[in-house]
Amino acid sequence: MPTELNKTAVTQYPIHPLLAERWSPRAFSDRPIPADVQGSLLEAARWAPSSSNEQPWRFILVQRKDEVAHSRIVETLSSNNRIWASRAPLLIVGVASMLRSSSGRPNGHAWYDLGQSVAHLSIQATAAGLYLHQMGGFDKEQARVALEIPENYEPAVVIAVGYLGDVSELPEDLQARERNPRSRRPLPESVFNGKWGEAADI
């Protein structure tokens, strides 16, 4: 059974429980995710807002049970990420379309919009009892080749998705990180009033 951890965010102001409970574990169970649940995650991502409704996100699903495809994407991960991410039943590669479909011009909002889409996916996952761990630590060019991603599309993130696993199965250094309390900067260090550096009175 997974080791229970209380990772609910301690907030200065009330927020929705799905936001407070979302966190990024490294201990994943290998329990498969039903196809309809995966569909709901991607449906949530599909309805994210985007500049000019370009919807520049693309997602490549890599199921753990597909050993060849799974091995191919795990090999693109940094050595630290491989230790734990390979156990997740689903890896999703988030890709940004860098050109606008309407004009063929560069889409300066593509990364932002992909991020919004993944944020929607992450909250839907929390509602379904799932967890995500998003990784920038992977070889993007290796992923491009392995997944046959065409020109003008940029792999941006690999996302491990699954149910919570047992923390005690992680290496000791990762167990410690898993048990650390969540933290964020105080709001006045990130939110300004009227101009940069003028702390907002909240």
N, C-alpha and C. Protein backbone atom coordinates (compact mmCIF):
# COMPACT_ATOMS: atom_id res chain seq x y z
N MET A 1 0.85 -1.20 0.00
CA MET A 1 0.00 0.00 0.00
C MET A 1 0.88 1.25 0.00
N PRO A 2 0.43 2.32 -0.70
CA PRO A 2 1.20 3.56 -0.69
C PRO A 2 1.32 4.14 0.71
N THR A 3 2.48 4.72 1.00
CA THR A 3 2.66 5.44 2.25
C THR A 3 1.90 6.76 2.16
N GLU A 4 0.99 6.98 3.10
CA GLU A 4 0.15 8.19 3.05
C GLU A 4 0.97 9.42 3.46
N LEU A 5 0.90 10.46 2.64
CA LEU A 5 1.54 11.72 2.95
C LEU A 5 0.50 12.82 2.87
N ASN A 6 0.55 13.74 3.83
CA ASN A 6 -0.33 14.91 3.76
C ASN A 6 0.44 16.04 3.08
N LYS A 7 0.13 16.29 1.83
CA LYS A 7 0.84 17.31 1.06
C LYS A 7 -0.08 18.47 0.68
N THR A 8 -1.23 18.58 1.37
CA THR A 8 -2.14 19.67 1.07
C THR A 8 -1.45 21.00 1.34
N ALA A 9 -1.56 21.91 0.38
CA ALA A 9 -0.90 23.21 0.50
C ALA A 9 -1.46 24.00 1.68
N VAL A 10 -0.57 24.64 2.42
CA VAL A 10 -0.96 25.56 3.48
C VAL A 10 -0.99 26.95 2.86
N THR A 11 -2.19 27.50 2.67
CA THR A 11 -2.36 28.72 1.89
C THR A 11 -2.68 29.92 2.77
N GLN A 12 -2.34 31.09 2.26
CA GLN A 12 -2.65 32.34 2.97
C GLN A 12 -4.11 32.70 2.80
N TYR A 13 -4.67 32.36 1.64
CA TYR A 13 -6.08 32.59 1.34
C TYR A 13 -6.69 31.26 0.89
N PRO A 14 -7.99 31.08 1.05
CA PRO A 14 -8.61 29.81 0.64
C PRO A 14 -8.52 29.61 -0.87
N ILE A 15 -8.23 28.38 -1.30
CA ILE A 15 -8.25 28.02 -2.72
C ILE A 15 -9.03 26.71 -2.87
N HIS A 16 -9.38 26.38 -4.10
CA HIS A 16 -10.14 25.16 -4.35
C HIS A 16 -9.33 23.95 -3.89
N PRO A 17 -10.00 22.98 -3.25
CA PRO A 17 -9.27 21.80 -2.76
C PRO A 17 -8.47 21.08 -3.84
N LEU A 18 -8.95 21.05 -5.08
CA LEU A 18 -8.19 20.37 -6.13
C LEU A 18 -6.84 21.04 -6.36
N LEU A 19 -6.79 22.36 -6.21
CA LEU A 19 -5.53 23.09 -6.35
C LEU A 19 -4.64 22.86 -5.14
N ALA A 20 -5.24 22.83 -3.97
CA ALA A 20 -4.46 22.66 -2.74
C ALA A 20 -3.87 21.25 -2.65
N GLU A 21 -4.56 20.27 -3.23
CA GLU A 21 -4.13 18.88 -3.09
C GLU A 21 -3.20 18.43 -4.21
N ARG A 22 -3.09 19.22 -5.27
CA ARG A 22 -2.22 18.85 -6.38
C ARG A 22 -0.77 18.98 -5.97
N TRP A 23 0.00 17.93 -6.19
CA TRP A 23 1.45 18.00 -5.98
C TRP A 23 2.11 17.00 -6.91
N SER A 24 3.43 17.00 -6.95
CA SER A 24 4.18 16.23 -7.95
C SER A 24 5.01 15.14 -7.30
N PRO A 25 4.45 13.96 -7.13
CA PRO A 25 5.19 12.87 -6.48
C PRO A 25 6.20 12.22 -7.42
N ARG A 26 7.07 11.41 -6.84
CA ARG A 26 7.98 10.56 -7.60
C ARG A 26 7.66 9.09 -7.39
N ALA A 27 6.89 8.80 -6.35
CA ALA A 27 6.52 7.41 -6.06
C ALA A 27 5.20 7.10 -6.76
N PHE A 28 5.29 6.35 -7.86
CA PHE A 28 4.10 5.98 -8.62
C PHE A 28 3.84 4.48 -8.52
N SER A 29 2.56 4.13 -8.44
CA SER A 29 2.14 2.74 -8.59
C SER A 29 2.17 2.40 -10.08
N ASP A 30 2.36 1.12 -10.40
CA ASP A 30 2.30 0.72 -11.80
C ASP A 30 0.87 0.34 -12.22
N ARG A 31 -0.10 0.62 -11.35
CA ARG A 31 -1.52 0.35 -11.66
C ARG A 31 -1.93 1.09 -12.93
N PRO A 32 -2.51 0.38 -13.90
CA PRO A 32 -2.88 1.04 -15.16
C PRO A 32 -3.98 2.07 -14.97
N ILE A 33 -4.02 3.06 -15.85
CA ILE A 33 -5.05 4.09 -15.83
C ILE A 33 -6.09 3.72 -16.88
N PRO A 34 -7.36 3.57 -16.49
CA PRO A 34 -8.39 3.20 -17.47
C PRO A 34 -8.45 4.17 -18.65
N ALA A 35 -8.79 3.65 -19.81
CA ALA A 35 -8.81 4.46 -21.04
C ALA A 35 -9.77 5.64 -20.93
N ASP A 36 -10.92 5.44 -20.29
CA ASP A 36 -11.87 6.55 -20.20
C ASP A 36 -11.37 7.65 -19.28
N VAL A 37 -10.60 7.29 -18.27
CA VAL A 37 -10.00 8.30 -17.38
C VAL A 37 -8.94 9.08 -18.15
N GLN A 38 -8.12 8.40 -18.93
CA GLN A 38 -7.15 9.09 -19.77
C GLN A 38 -7.87 10.05 -20.73
N GLY A 39 -8.99 9.58 -21.27
CA GLY A 39 -9.77 10.43 -22.17
C GLY A 39 -10.23 11.70 -21.50
N SER A 40 -10.65 11.60 -20.24
CA SER A 40 -11.10 12.79 -19.50
C SER A 40 -9.96 13.77 -19.27
N LEU A 41 -8.76 13.25 -18.99
CA LEU A 41 -7.60 14.13 -18.81
C LEU A 41 -7.36 14.95 -20.08
N LEU A 42 -7.40 14.26 -21.20
CA LEU A 42 -7.09 14.92 -22.47
C LEU A 42 -8.23 15.83 -22.93
N GLU A 43 -9.45 15.48 -22.55
CA GLU A 43 -10.59 16.37 -22.84
C GLU A 43 -10.46 17.67 -22.07
N ALA A 44 -10.03 17.58 -20.81
CA ALA A 44 -9.80 18.79 -20.02
C ALA A 44 -8.72 19.65 -20.67
N ALA A 45 -7.65 19.01 -21.12
CA ALA A 45 -6.58 19.75 -21.81
C ALA A 45 -7.09 20.41 -23.08
N ARG A 46 -7.96 19.71 -23.80
CA ARG A 46 -8.47 20.22 -25.08
C ARG A 46 -9.24 21.52 -24.92
N TRP A 47 -9.89 21.70 -23.76
CA TRP A 47 -10.74 22.88 -23.56
C TRP A 47 -10.03 24.03 -22.86
N ALA A 48 -8.72 23.97 -22.81
CA ALA A 48 -7.95 25.11 -22.28
C ALA A 48 -8.04 26.30 -23.24
N PRO A 49 -7.91 27.52 -22.73
CA PRO A 49 -7.89 28.68 -23.62
C PRO A 49 -6.57 28.75 -24.38
N SER A 50 -6.61 29.40 -25.54
CA SER A 50 -5.39 29.61 -26.31
C SER A 50 -5.53 30.85 -27.18
N SER A 51 -4.42 31.46 -27.49
CA SER A 51 -4.39 32.66 -28.32
C SER A 51 -5.00 32.36 -29.69
N SER A 52 -6.02 33.15 -30.08
CA SER A 52 -6.70 32.99 -31.37
C SER A 52 -7.23 31.57 -31.58
N ASN A 53 -7.47 30.87 -30.48
CA ASN A 53 -7.96 29.48 -30.53
C ASN A 53 -7.06 28.59 -31.39
N GLU A 54 -5.75 28.86 -31.35
CA GLU A 54 -4.81 28.07 -32.14
C GLU A 54 -4.63 26.64 -31.60
N GLN A 55 -4.86 26.47 -30.28
CA GLN A 55 -4.71 25.15 -29.66
C GLN A 55 -3.37 24.50 -30.08
N PRO A 56 -2.25 25.15 -29.74
CA PRO A 56 -0.96 24.68 -30.25
C PRO A 56 -0.41 23.44 -29.55
N TRP A 57 -1.16 22.87 -28.63
CA TRP A 57 -0.70 21.70 -27.90
C TRP A 57 -0.92 20.42 -28.72
N ARG A 58 0.03 19.53 -28.58
CA ARG A 58 -0.10 18.16 -29.08
C ARG A 58 0.44 17.26 -27.97
N PHE A 59 -0.13 16.07 -27.83
CA PHE A 59 0.29 15.15 -26.78
C PHE A 59 0.55 13.77 -27.36
N ILE A 60 1.68 13.21 -27.01
CA ILE A 60 2.03 11.85 -27.41
C ILE A 60 1.96 10.98 -26.16
N LEU A 61 1.07 9.99 -26.18
CA LEU A 61 0.88 9.11 -25.03
C LEU A 61 1.79 7.89 -25.17
N VAL A 62 2.49 7.58 -24.10
CA VAL A 62 3.37 6.41 -24.09
C VAL A 62 2.97 5.56 -22.89
N GLN A 63 2.33 4.43 -23.17
CA GLN A 63 1.86 3.53 -22.12
C GLN A 63 3.01 2.62 -21.68
N ARG A 64 3.08 2.37 -20.39
CA ARG A 64 4.14 1.49 -19.86
C ARG A 64 4.06 0.08 -20.44
N LYS A 65 2.83 -0.35 -20.73
CA LYS A 65 2.65 -1.70 -21.26
C LYS A 65 3.19 -1.84 -22.69
N ASP A 66 3.38 -0.71 -23.38
CA ASP A 66 4.01 -0.74 -24.71
C ASP A 66 5.52 -0.63 -24.48
N GLU A 67 6.14 -1.76 -24.25
CA GLU A 67 7.52 -1.78 -23.75
C GLU A 67 8.50 -1.08 -24.68
N VAL A 68 8.33 -1.25 -25.99
CA VAL A 68 9.27 -0.65 -26.94
C VAL A 68 9.17 0.87 -26.91
N ALA A 69 7.95 1.40 -27.04
CA ALA A 69 7.75 2.85 -27.03
C ALA A 69 8.15 3.44 -25.68
N HIS A 70 7.79 2.73 -24.61
CA HIS A 70 8.10 3.21 -23.26
C HIS A 70 9.61 3.31 -23.06
N SER A 71 10.33 2.29 -23.44
CA SER A 71 11.78 2.29 -23.31
C SER A 71 12.40 3.43 -24.11
N ARG A 72 11.84 3.68 -25.29
CA ARG A 72 12.36 4.72 -26.16
C ARG A 72 12.27 6.10 -25.50
N ILE A 73 11.14 6.38 -24.84
CA ILE A 73 11.00 7.71 -24.22
C ILE A 73 11.74 7.77 -22.89
N VAL A 74 11.77 6.67 -22.12
CA VAL A 74 12.51 6.67 -20.85
C VAL A 74 13.99 6.96 -21.11
N GLU A 75 14.52 6.47 -22.21
CA GLU A 75 15.93 6.71 -22.54
C GLU A 75 16.24 8.19 -22.80
N THR A 76 15.22 8.99 -23.10
CA THR A 76 15.45 10.42 -23.31
C THR A 76 15.51 11.19 -21.99
N LEU A 77 15.06 10.58 -20.89
CA LEU A 77 15.01 11.27 -19.60
C LEU A 77 16.39 11.40 -18.98
N SER A 78 16.57 12.44 -18.17
CA SER A 78 17.80 12.56 -17.40
C SER A 78 17.92 11.37 -16.46
N SER A 79 19.14 11.05 -16.05
CA SER A 79 19.36 9.87 -15.21
C SER A 79 18.57 9.95 -13.91
N ASN A 80 18.45 11.15 -13.32
CA ASN A 80 17.69 11.30 -12.08
C ASN A 80 16.22 11.00 -12.27
N ASN A 81 15.67 11.42 -13.41
CA ASN A 81 14.25 11.19 -13.67
C ASN A 81 13.96 9.72 -14.01
N ARG A 82 14.91 9.07 -14.66
CA ARG A 82 14.69 7.67 -15.03
C ARG A 82 14.46 6.79 -13.80
N ILE A 83 15.11 7.13 -12.68
CA ILE A 83 15.04 6.31 -11.47
C ILE A 83 13.60 6.05 -11.06
N TRP A 84 12.76 7.08 -11.16
CA TRP A 84 11.40 6.95 -10.65
C TRP A 84 10.33 7.01 -11.75
N ALA A 85 10.56 7.79 -12.80
CA ALA A 85 9.51 8.03 -13.80
C ALA A 85 9.17 6.79 -14.61
N SER A 86 10.12 5.88 -14.73
CA SER A 86 9.88 4.68 -15.54
C SER A 86 8.78 3.79 -14.95
N ARG A 87 8.45 3.98 -13.69
CA ARG A 87 7.42 3.15 -13.05
C ARG A 87 6.00 3.64 -13.34
N ALA A 88 5.85 4.90 -13.69
CA ALA A 88 4.51 5.45 -13.96
C ALA A 88 3.87 4.72 -15.13
N PRO A 89 2.58 4.44 -15.06
CA PRO A 89 1.92 3.68 -16.13
C PRO A 89 1.74 4.46 -17.42
N LEU A 90 1.85 5.79 -17.34
CA LEU A 90 1.65 6.62 -18.52
C LEU A 90 2.65 7.77 -18.52
N LEU A 91 3.32 7.93 -19.64
CA LEU A 91 4.15 9.11 -19.87
C LEU A 91 3.52 9.88 -21.03
N ILE A 92 3.38 11.18 -20.85
CA ILE A 92 2.81 12.03 -21.89
C ILE A 92 3.88 13.04 -22.30
N VAL A 93 4.14 13.12 -23.59
CA VAL A 93 5.07 14.13 -24.10
C VAL A 93 4.24 15.29 -24.63
N GLY A 94 4.42 16.46 -24.02
CA GLY A 94 3.73 17.67 -24.46
C GLY A 94 4.56 18.39 -25.51
N VAL A 95 3.93 18.68 -26.64
CA VAL A 95 4.61 19.28 -27.78
C VAL A 95 3.90 20.58 -28.16
N ALA A 96 4.66 21.60 -28.50
CA ALA A 96 4.10 22.89 -28.90
C ALA A 96 4.25 23.09 -30.40
N SER A 97 3.15 23.47 -31.05
CA SER A 97 3.18 23.85 -32.47
C SER A 97 3.66 25.29 -32.55
N MET A 98 4.81 25.52 -33.16
CA MET A 98 5.47 26.82 -33.09
C MET A 98 5.02 27.80 -34.17
N LEU A 99 4.22 27.35 -35.12
CA LEU A 99 3.72 28.23 -36.18
C LEU A 99 2.20 28.31 -36.11
N ARG A 100 1.67 29.47 -36.39
CA ARG A 100 0.22 29.64 -36.42
C ARG A 100 -0.35 28.94 -37.65
N SER A 101 -1.43 28.19 -37.45
CA SER A 101 -2.03 27.47 -38.57
C SER A 101 -2.66 28.41 -39.58
N SER A 102 -3.11 29.58 -39.12
CA SER A 102 -3.80 30.51 -39.99
C SER A 102 -2.87 31.26 -40.93
N SER A 103 -1.64 31.53 -40.46
CA SER A 103 -0.74 32.39 -41.25
C SER A 103 0.63 31.77 -41.52
N GLY A 104 0.99 30.72 -40.78
CA GLY A 104 2.32 30.16 -40.89
C GLY A 104 3.38 30.97 -40.18
N ARG A 105 2.98 32.01 -39.47
CA ARG A 105 3.93 32.86 -38.74
C ARG A 105 4.21 32.26 -37.36
N PRO A 106 5.35 32.65 -36.76
CA PRO A 106 5.67 32.12 -35.42
C PRO A 106 4.58 32.43 -34.41
N ASN A 107 4.28 31.48 -33.58
CA ASN A 107 3.28 31.65 -32.52
C ASN A 107 4.02 31.89 -31.21
N GLY A 108 4.12 33.16 -30.83
CA GLY A 108 4.83 33.52 -29.61
C GLY A 108 4.13 33.09 -28.34
N HIS A 109 2.91 32.61 -28.45
CA HIS A 109 2.15 32.17 -27.27
C HIS A 109 2.09 30.65 -27.14
N ALA A 110 2.78 29.94 -28.02
CA ALA A 110 2.64 28.48 -28.05
C ALA A 110 3.02 27.82 -26.73
N TRP A 111 4.15 28.24 -26.14
CA TRP A 111 4.60 27.63 -24.88
C TRP A 111 3.60 27.92 -23.76
N TYR A 112 3.15 29.17 -23.72
CA TYR A 112 2.19 29.59 -22.69
C TYR A 112 0.91 28.76 -22.80
N ASP A 113 0.42 28.62 -24.02
CA ASP A 113 -0.84 27.90 -24.22
C ASP A 113 -0.70 26.41 -23.93
N LEU A 114 0.43 25.82 -24.29
CA LEU A 114 0.67 24.43 -23.92
C LEU A 114 0.66 24.28 -22.41
N GLY A 115 1.29 25.22 -21.71
CA GLY A 115 1.31 25.19 -20.25
C GLY A 115 -0.09 25.27 -19.66
N GLN A 116 -0.94 26.13 -20.23
CA GLN A 116 -2.32 26.21 -19.75
C GLN A 116 -3.04 24.89 -19.94
N SER A 117 -2.81 24.28 -21.09
CA SER A 117 -3.47 23.01 -21.38
C SER A 117 -3.05 21.93 -20.38
N VAL A 118 -1.76 21.88 -20.07
CA VAL A 118 -1.27 20.90 -19.09
C VAL A 118 -1.81 21.21 -17.69
N ALA A 119 -1.96 22.49 -17.37
CA ALA A 119 -2.54 22.86 -16.08
C ALA A 119 -3.97 22.32 -15.96
N HIS A 120 -4.75 22.46 -17.03
CA HIS A 120 -6.10 21.90 -17.01
C HIS A 120 -6.05 20.39 -16.81
N LEU A 121 -5.15 19.75 -17.53
CA LEU A 121 -4.99 18.30 -17.41
C LEU A 121 -4.64 17.91 -15.98
N SER A 122 -3.78 18.70 -15.35
CA SER A 122 -3.32 18.36 -14.00
C SER A 122 -4.45 18.43 -12.98
N ILE A 123 -5.36 19.38 -13.14
CA ILE A 123 -6.47 19.50 -12.19
C ILE A 123 -7.49 18.39 -12.42
N GLN A 124 -7.73 18.04 -13.69
CA GLN A 124 -8.61 16.91 -13.97
C GLN A 124 -8.02 15.63 -13.39
N ALA A 125 -6.71 15.49 -13.48
CA ALA A 125 -6.04 14.32 -12.90
C ALA A 125 -6.25 14.27 -11.39
N THR A 126 -6.11 15.40 -10.72
CA THR A 126 -6.31 15.43 -9.27
C THR A 126 -7.73 15.01 -8.92
N ALA A 127 -8.70 15.47 -9.71
CA ALA A 127 -10.10 15.11 -9.47
C ALA A 127 -10.32 13.61 -9.64
N ALA A 128 -9.49 12.97 -10.46
CA ALA A 128 -9.63 11.53 -10.72
C ALA A 128 -8.76 10.69 -9.79
N GLY A 129 -8.11 11.32 -8.81
CA GLY A 129 -7.25 10.57 -7.89
C GLY A 129 -5.89 10.23 -8.47
N LEU A 130 -5.51 10.94 -9.54
CA LEU A 130 -4.22 10.73 -10.20
C LEU A 130 -3.26 11.85 -9.87
N TYR A 131 -1.99 11.62 -10.16
CA TYR A 131 -0.94 12.61 -9.91
C TYR A 131 -0.07 12.73 -11.15
N LEU A 132 0.46 13.94 -11.33
CA LEU A 132 1.37 14.23 -12.43
C LEU A 132 2.70 14.68 -11.86
N HIS A 133 3.77 14.35 -12.56
CA HIS A 133 5.07 14.97 -12.30
C HIS A 133 5.62 15.40 -13.66
N GLN A 134 5.73 16.71 -13.84
CA GLN A 134 6.16 17.27 -15.12
C GLN A 134 7.68 17.41 -15.13
N MET A 135 8.28 17.03 -16.24
CA MET A 135 9.74 16.99 -16.32
C MET A 135 10.26 17.79 -17.51
N GLY A 136 11.18 18.71 -17.20
CA GLY A 136 11.94 19.37 -18.25
C GLY A 136 13.26 18.67 -18.50
N GLY A 137 13.60 17.74 -17.60
CA GLY A 137 14.87 17.03 -17.68
C GLY A 137 14.80 15.86 -18.64
N PHE A 138 14.88 16.18 -19.93
CA PHE A 138 14.94 15.14 -20.96
C PHE A 138 15.62 15.72 -22.18
N ASP A 139 16.13 14.85 -23.02
CA ASP A 139 16.84 15.27 -24.23
C ASP A 139 15.82 15.52 -25.34
N LYS A 140 15.59 16.78 -25.64
CA LYS A 140 14.53 17.15 -26.57
C LYS A 140 14.80 16.66 -27.99
N GLU A 141 16.06 16.73 -28.41
CA GLU A 141 16.36 16.27 -29.77
C GLU A 141 16.26 14.76 -29.88
N GLN A 142 16.66 14.06 -28.83
CA GLN A 142 16.51 12.61 -28.82
C GLN A 142 15.03 12.24 -28.85
N ALA A 143 14.21 12.99 -28.10
CA ALA A 143 12.77 12.74 -28.11
C ALA A 143 12.18 13.02 -29.49
N ARG A 144 12.64 14.07 -30.14
CA ARG A 144 12.15 14.40 -31.48
C ARG A 144 12.38 13.23 -32.44
N VAL A 145 13.58 12.67 -32.38
CA VAL A 145 13.91 11.56 -33.27
C VAL A 145 13.12 10.31 -32.88
N ALA A 146 13.11 9.99 -31.58
CA ALA A 146 12.46 8.77 -31.12
C ALA A 146 10.97 8.76 -31.41
N LEU A 147 10.35 9.93 -31.33
CA LEU A 147 8.90 10.02 -31.49
C LEU A 147 8.49 10.57 -32.86
N GLU A 148 9.48 10.82 -33.72
CA GLU A 148 9.23 11.28 -35.08
C GLU A 148 8.42 12.58 -35.10
N ILE A 149 8.81 13.52 -34.24
CA ILE A 149 8.13 14.81 -34.15
C ILE A 149 8.58 15.69 -35.32
N PRO A 150 7.64 16.21 -36.09
CA PRO A 150 8.02 16.95 -37.30
C PRO A 150 8.60 18.33 -37.00
N GLU A 151 9.18 18.93 -38.01
CA GLU A 151 9.72 20.28 -37.93
C GLU A 151 8.62 21.25 -37.55
N ASN A 152 9.01 22.30 -36.83
CA ASN A 152 8.10 23.35 -36.36
C ASN A 152 7.20 22.91 -35.20
N TYR A 153 7.48 21.74 -34.65
CA TYR A 153 6.84 21.30 -33.41
C TYR A 153 7.95 21.02 -32.41
N GLU A 154 7.80 21.55 -31.19
CA GLU A 154 8.87 21.45 -30.20
C GLU A 154 8.42 20.65 -28.98
N PRO A 155 9.12 19.53 -28.68
CA PRO A 155 8.82 18.82 -27.43
C PRO A 155 9.21 19.69 -26.24
N ALA A 156 8.28 19.88 -25.32
CA ALA A 156 8.50 20.81 -24.21
C ALA A 156 8.57 20.14 -22.85
N VAL A 157 7.87 19.02 -22.68
CA VAL A 157 7.74 18.43 -21.35
C VAL A 157 7.41 16.95 -21.49
N VAL A 158 7.92 16.16 -20.55
CA VAL A 158 7.47 14.78 -20.39
C VAL A 158 6.75 14.72 -19.04
N ILE A 159 5.55 14.15 -19.04
CA ILE A 159 4.71 14.14 -17.84
C ILE A 159 4.47 12.70 -17.41
N ALA A 160 4.91 12.37 -16.21
CA ALA A 160 4.58 11.07 -15.62
C ALA A 160 3.21 11.17 -14.97
N VAL A 161 2.34 10.21 -15.27
CA VAL A 161 0.97 10.21 -14.76
C VAL A 161 0.68 8.87 -14.12
N GLY A 162 0.07 8.90 -12.93
CA GLY A 162 -0.28 7.64 -12.31
C GLY A 162 -0.89 7.83 -10.93
N TYR A 163 -1.15 6.70 -10.30
CA TYR A 163 -1.64 6.69 -8.92
C TYR A 163 -0.43 6.67 -7.98
N LEU A 164 -0.66 7.14 -6.76
CA LEU A 164 0.44 7.18 -5.79
C LEU A 164 0.98 5.79 -5.51
N GLY A 165 2.30 5.72 -5.43
CA GLY A 165 2.96 4.48 -5.05
C GLY A 165 3.51 4.57 -3.64
N ASP A 166 4.35 3.63 -3.30
CA ASP A 166 4.91 3.54 -1.95
C ASP A 166 6.24 4.30 -1.91
N VAL A 167 6.28 5.33 -1.09
CA VAL A 167 7.47 6.17 -0.97
C VAL A 167 8.69 5.34 -0.57
N SER A 168 8.47 4.30 0.25
CA SER A 168 9.59 3.51 0.75
C SER A 168 10.31 2.74 -0.36
N GLU A 169 9.72 2.66 -1.55
CA GLU A 169 10.36 1.98 -2.66
C GLU A 169 11.34 2.89 -3.42
N LEU A 170 11.37 4.17 -3.08
CA LEU A 170 12.30 5.10 -3.71
C LEU A 170 13.66 5.03 -3.01
N PRO A 171 14.73 5.45 -3.70
CA PRO A 171 16.02 5.62 -3.02
C PRO A 171 15.88 6.60 -1.85
N GLU A 172 16.74 6.47 -0.86
CA GLU A 172 16.60 7.25 0.38
C GLU A 172 16.58 8.76 0.14
N ASP A 173 17.43 9.26 -0.78
CA ASP A 173 17.45 10.71 -1.00
C ASP A 173 16.13 11.19 -1.58
N LEU A 174 15.51 10.38 -2.43
CA LEU A 174 14.22 10.76 -3.00
C LEU A 174 13.08 10.60 -1.99
N GLN A 175 13.21 9.63 -1.09
CA GLN A 175 12.22 9.51 -0.03
C GLN A 175 12.17 10.79 0.80
N ALA A 176 13.33 11.33 1.11
CA ALA A 176 13.39 12.56 1.90
C ALA A 176 12.73 13.71 1.16
N ARG A 177 13.01 13.82 -0.14
CA ARG A 177 12.41 14.89 -0.93
C ARG A 177 10.90 14.72 -1.01
N GLU A 178 10.44 13.48 -1.10
CA GLU A 178 9.01 13.21 -1.19
C GLU A 178 8.28 13.64 0.09
N ARG A 179 8.97 13.50 1.21
CA ARG A 179 8.33 13.81 2.49
C ARG A 179 8.45 15.28 2.89
N ASN A 180 9.29 16.03 2.17
CA ASN A 180 9.43 17.46 2.49
C ASN A 180 8.10 18.19 2.32
N PRO A 181 7.83 19.15 3.19
CA PRO A 181 6.59 19.94 3.02
C PRO A 181 6.68 20.81 1.76
N ARG A 182 5.54 21.05 1.17
CA ARG A 182 5.48 21.93 0.00
C ARG A 182 5.65 23.37 0.46
N SER A 183 6.24 24.19 -0.41
CA SER A 183 6.41 25.60 -0.04
C SER A 183 6.37 26.47 -1.28
N ARG A 184 6.03 27.73 -1.09
CA ARG A 184 6.04 28.72 -2.15
C ARG A 184 6.49 30.06 -1.55
N ARG A 185 7.00 30.95 -2.41
CA ARG A 185 7.32 32.30 -1.95
C ARG A 185 6.06 32.98 -1.42
N PRO A 186 6.20 33.90 -0.46
CA PRO A 186 5.04 34.70 -0.04
C PRO A 186 4.51 35.53 -1.21
N LEU A 187 3.21 35.75 -1.25
CA LEU A 187 2.60 36.49 -2.36
C LEU A 187 3.26 37.84 -2.64
N PRO A 188 3.59 38.65 -1.62
CA PRO A 188 4.16 39.96 -1.93
C PRO A 188 5.50 39.92 -2.67
N GLU A 189 6.17 38.76 -2.67
CA GLU A 189 7.42 38.65 -3.42
C GLU A 189 7.19 38.37 -4.89
N SER A 190 5.96 38.01 -5.25
CA SER A 190 5.65 37.67 -6.63
C SER A 190 4.59 38.57 -7.25
N VAL A 191 3.84 39.28 -6.41
CA VAL A 191 2.71 40.08 -6.90
C VAL A 191 2.99 41.55 -6.58
N PHE A 192 2.98 42.38 -7.62
CA PHE A 192 3.33 43.80 -7.45
C PHE A 192 2.11 44.69 -7.71
N ASN A 193 2.17 45.88 -7.16
CA ASN A 193 1.05 46.83 -7.25
C ASN A 193 1.44 48.02 -8.10
N GLY A 194 0.90 48.09 -9.30
CA GLY A 194 1.11 49.28 -10.14
C GLY A 194 2.39 49.31 -10.92
N LYS A 195 3.49 48.80 -10.35
CA LYS A 195 4.76 48.76 -11.06
C LYS A 195 5.62 47.68 -10.43
N TRP A 196 6.65 47.29 -11.16
CA TRP A 196 7.56 46.23 -10.72
C TRP A 196 8.20 46.58 -9.38
N GLY A 197 8.17 45.61 -8.46
CA GLY A 197 8.85 45.77 -7.19
C GLY A 197 8.04 46.43 -6.11
N GLU A 198 6.88 46.98 -6.46
CA GLU A 198 6.01 47.62 -5.46
C GLU A 198 5.07 46.53 -4.94
N ALA A 199 5.37 46.03 -3.75
CA ALA A 199 4.62 44.88 -3.22
C ALA A 199 3.14 45.19 -3.12
N ALA A 200 2.32 44.28 -3.63
CA ALA A 200 0.87 44.43 -3.54
C ALA A 200 0.41 44.27 -2.11
N ASP A 201 -0.57 45.08 -1.72
CA ASP A 201 -1.09 45.04 -0.36
C ASP A 201 -2.16 43.96 -0.25
N ILE A 202 -1.71 42.73 -0.21
CA ILE A 202 -2.64 41.61 -0.06
C ILE A 202 -2.12 40.69 1.05
